Structures are given as C-alpha cells and as structure tokens.
N, C-alpha and C. Protein backbone atom coordinates (compact mmCIF):
# COMPACT_ATOMS: atom_id res chain seq x y z
N MET A 1 36.76 -14.38 43.15
CA MET A 1 37.99 -13.62 43.21
C MET A 1 38.27 -13.28 44.68
N THR A 2 39.47 -13.49 45.09
CA THR A 2 39.85 -13.16 46.47
C THR A 2 40.74 -11.93 46.47
N HIS A 3 40.69 -11.22 47.57
CA HIS A 3 41.50 -10.02 47.76
C HIS A 3 42.17 -10.12 49.11
N GLN A 4 43.24 -9.41 49.27
CA GLN A 4 43.94 -9.38 50.54
C GLN A 4 43.59 -8.10 51.26
N LEU A 5 43.33 -8.20 52.58
CA LEU A 5 42.97 -7.06 53.40
C LEU A 5 43.86 -7.05 54.62
N THR A 6 44.42 -5.91 54.93
CA THR A 6 45.26 -5.77 56.12
C THR A 6 44.57 -4.82 57.08
N ILE A 7 44.41 -5.25 58.33
CA ILE A 7 43.81 -4.39 59.36
C ILE A 7 44.75 -4.33 60.55
N THR A 8 44.66 -3.26 61.30
CA THR A 8 45.45 -3.09 62.51
C THR A 8 44.52 -3.18 63.71
N VAL A 9 44.85 -4.06 64.64
CA VAL A 9 44.01 -4.27 65.83
C VAL A 9 44.89 -4.30 67.07
N ASP A 10 44.27 -4.16 68.24
CA ASP A 10 45.06 -4.24 69.47
C ASP A 10 45.38 -5.70 69.78
N ASP A 11 46.19 -5.92 70.79
CA ASP A 11 46.67 -7.27 71.12
C ASP A 11 45.54 -8.25 71.45
N THR A 12 44.53 -7.79 72.18
CA THR A 12 43.44 -8.67 72.57
C THR A 12 42.68 -9.18 71.35
N VAL A 13 42.36 -8.28 70.44
CA VAL A 13 41.64 -8.67 69.23
C VAL A 13 42.52 -9.57 68.37
N TYR A 14 43.79 -9.24 68.28
CA TYR A 14 44.72 -10.05 67.49
C TYR A 14 44.77 -11.48 68.00
N GLN A 15 44.88 -11.63 69.32
CA GLN A 15 44.95 -12.98 69.90
C GLN A 15 43.66 -13.75 69.67
N ALA A 16 42.53 -13.06 69.66
CA ALA A 16 41.25 -13.74 69.43
C ALA A 16 41.09 -14.14 67.97
N LEU A 17 41.56 -13.30 67.04
CA LEU A 17 41.37 -13.56 65.62
C LEU A 17 42.44 -14.44 65.00
N LYS A 18 43.61 -14.47 65.58
CA LYS A 18 44.73 -15.23 64.99
C LYS A 18 44.38 -16.68 64.71
N PRO A 19 43.78 -17.42 65.65
CA PRO A 19 43.44 -18.82 65.34
C PRO A 19 42.43 -18.94 64.18
N MET A 20 41.53 -17.97 64.09
CA MET A 20 40.55 -18.02 63.01
C MET A 20 41.22 -17.80 61.66
N VAL A 21 42.22 -16.94 61.63
CA VAL A 21 42.97 -16.72 60.39
C VAL A 21 43.74 -17.98 60.04
N GLU A 22 44.39 -18.58 61.03
CA GLU A 22 45.18 -19.78 60.80
C GLU A 22 44.32 -20.94 60.31
N HIS A 23 43.10 -21.06 60.83
CA HIS A 23 42.20 -22.16 60.43
C HIS A 23 41.29 -21.76 59.27
N GLU A 24 41.52 -20.57 58.74
CA GLU A 24 40.77 -20.05 57.59
C GLU A 24 39.26 -20.05 57.84
N THR A 25 38.86 -19.68 59.06
CA THR A 25 37.45 -19.58 59.39
C THR A 25 37.01 -18.13 59.61
N ILE A 26 37.93 -17.21 59.48
CA ILE A 26 37.58 -15.82 59.73
C ILE A 26 36.61 -15.28 58.66
N GLY A 27 36.68 -15.82 57.47
CA GLY A 27 35.78 -15.39 56.40
C GLY A 27 34.33 -15.58 56.78
N ALA A 28 34.02 -16.70 57.40
CA ALA A 28 32.64 -16.97 57.84
C ALA A 28 32.21 -15.98 58.91
N LEU A 29 33.12 -15.66 59.83
CA LEU A 29 32.81 -14.69 60.88
C LEU A 29 32.53 -13.32 60.28
N LEU A 30 33.37 -12.88 59.37
CA LEU A 30 33.19 -11.58 58.74
C LEU A 30 31.92 -11.53 57.90
N TYR A 31 31.62 -12.62 57.22
CA TYR A 31 30.40 -12.69 56.42
C TYR A 31 29.17 -12.56 57.32
N GLU A 32 29.16 -13.29 58.44
CA GLU A 32 28.03 -13.23 59.37
C GLU A 32 27.91 -11.83 59.96
N PHE A 33 29.04 -11.22 60.30
CA PHE A 33 29.02 -9.86 60.82
C PHE A 33 28.40 -8.89 59.82
N MET A 34 28.79 -9.00 58.58
CA MET A 34 28.26 -8.10 57.55
C MET A 34 26.78 -8.33 57.32
N GLN A 35 26.33 -9.59 57.36
CA GLN A 35 24.91 -9.88 57.18
C GLN A 35 24.10 -9.27 58.32
N ASN A 36 24.56 -9.43 59.55
CA ASN A 36 23.85 -8.89 60.70
C ASN A 36 23.86 -7.37 60.69
N ARG A 37 24.97 -6.78 60.30
CA ARG A 37 25.08 -5.33 60.27
C ARG A 37 24.16 -4.74 59.20
N ASN A 38 24.07 -5.37 58.05
CA ASN A 38 23.21 -4.88 56.98
C ASN A 38 21.75 -4.91 57.38
N ILE A 39 21.34 -5.92 58.12
CA ILE A 39 19.95 -6.01 58.55
C ILE A 39 19.63 -4.88 59.53
N LYS A 40 20.53 -4.63 60.47
CA LYS A 40 20.30 -3.61 61.47
C LYS A 40 20.41 -2.20 60.90
N GLN A 41 21.17 -2.01 59.85
CA GLN A 41 21.41 -0.70 59.29
C GLN A 41 20.32 -0.24 58.33
N LYS A 42 19.40 -1.11 57.97
CA LYS A 42 18.39 -0.73 57.00
C LYS A 42 17.42 0.28 57.61
N THR A 43 17.47 1.48 57.11
CA THR A 43 16.57 2.53 57.53
C THR A 43 15.91 3.08 56.29
N PRO A 44 14.72 3.61 56.45
CA PRO A 44 14.03 4.14 55.29
C PRO A 44 14.78 5.31 54.67
N SER A 45 14.68 5.42 53.38
CA SER A 45 15.34 6.53 52.70
C SER A 45 14.50 7.79 52.87
N ILE A 46 15.10 8.91 52.59
CA ILE A 46 14.38 10.20 52.64
C ILE A 46 13.18 10.15 51.70
N THR A 47 13.38 9.57 50.54
CA THR A 47 12.29 9.49 49.56
C THR A 47 11.10 8.72 50.14
N ALA A 48 11.38 7.62 50.84
CA ALA A 48 10.30 6.82 51.42
C ALA A 48 9.57 7.57 52.52
N LEU A 49 10.27 8.45 53.24
CA LEU A 49 9.66 9.19 54.34
C LEU A 49 9.00 10.48 53.90
N ARG A 50 9.32 10.94 52.72
CA ARG A 50 8.79 12.22 52.25
C ARG A 50 7.26 12.21 52.26
N GLY A 51 6.68 13.25 52.83
CA GLY A 51 5.23 13.37 52.88
C GLY A 51 4.58 12.65 54.05
N THR A 52 5.36 12.13 54.99
CA THR A 52 4.78 11.37 56.10
C THR A 52 4.83 12.13 57.42
N LEU A 53 5.28 13.37 57.42
CA LEU A 53 5.40 14.13 58.65
C LEU A 53 4.05 14.26 59.36
N HIS A 54 2.97 14.35 58.61
CA HIS A 54 1.65 14.48 59.22
C HIS A 54 1.25 13.22 59.99
N ASN A 55 1.96 12.12 59.82
CA ASN A 55 1.67 10.87 60.54
C ASN A 55 2.31 10.81 61.92
N VAL A 56 3.15 11.79 62.26
CA VAL A 56 3.85 11.79 63.54
C VAL A 56 2.85 12.10 64.65
N ASP A 57 2.87 11.29 65.70
CA ASP A 57 1.98 11.49 66.84
C ASP A 57 2.50 12.64 67.70
N THR A 58 1.78 13.72 67.74
CA THR A 58 2.20 14.91 68.51
C THR A 58 1.37 15.09 69.76
N SER A 59 0.62 14.08 70.17
CA SER A 59 -0.28 14.21 71.31
C SER A 59 0.46 14.28 72.64
N ASP A 60 1.72 13.90 72.68
CA ASP A 60 2.46 13.88 73.94
C ASP A 60 3.69 14.80 73.89
N ILE A 61 3.58 15.89 73.17
CA ILE A 61 4.72 16.81 73.08
C ILE A 61 4.75 17.66 74.34
N ARG A 62 5.90 17.66 75.01
CA ARG A 62 6.10 18.45 76.23
C ARG A 62 7.42 19.16 76.14
N GLU A 63 7.61 20.12 77.00
CA GLU A 63 8.90 20.78 77.09
C GLU A 63 9.92 19.76 77.61
N GLU A 64 11.16 19.94 77.22
CA GLU A 64 12.20 19.00 77.65
C GLU A 64 12.30 18.92 79.16
N THR A 65 12.15 20.05 79.84
CA THR A 65 12.27 20.07 81.30
C THR A 65 11.11 19.35 81.98
N ASP A 66 9.99 19.13 81.29
CA ASP A 66 8.84 18.43 81.85
C ASP A 66 8.96 16.92 81.72
N ARG A 67 9.92 16.46 80.97
CA ARG A 67 10.08 15.02 80.74
C ARG A 67 10.81 14.34 81.89
N ILE A 68 10.37 13.16 82.24
CA ILE A 68 11.04 12.35 83.25
C ILE A 68 12.21 11.65 82.61
N ILE A 69 13.37 11.80 83.18
CA ILE A 69 14.57 11.18 82.61
C ILE A 69 14.96 9.97 83.41
C-alpha cells in the first residue's frame, strides 16, 4: 500500500531532492535513512537498566571545576 506524504523544505533541499522524486528513487534514500536512524537510536530501555546503578564506575568522580575541559 502506498501513501502520499507532503513535506516543506528550503530551496537547497528541494533542488537536491527534486531529481530523486522525478526518477522515483527517493524511496530508497528514505528507506536507507530510516534504517540507519533506527540502528543509531537503539538505546536500552529503563527496564533493561533497572538495578544496574551499582555497576557504574565511580572511581573517577571529581567536582566539575576540577575537570579538564
């Protein structure tokens, strides 16, 4: 099933994406973007982290002003 999506972009993005829309290749670009974003966005849930606070390494805790920036 296909759906129609309308987005608003600035001129630079429009000029870059227009040929992809015309050649019907933008779907592949969006699919790849979503795949990469999903991989990077995977973070543990609260449930998975619950009970793990004692595993945090506190051997190097210093005051903020003592830290080298």
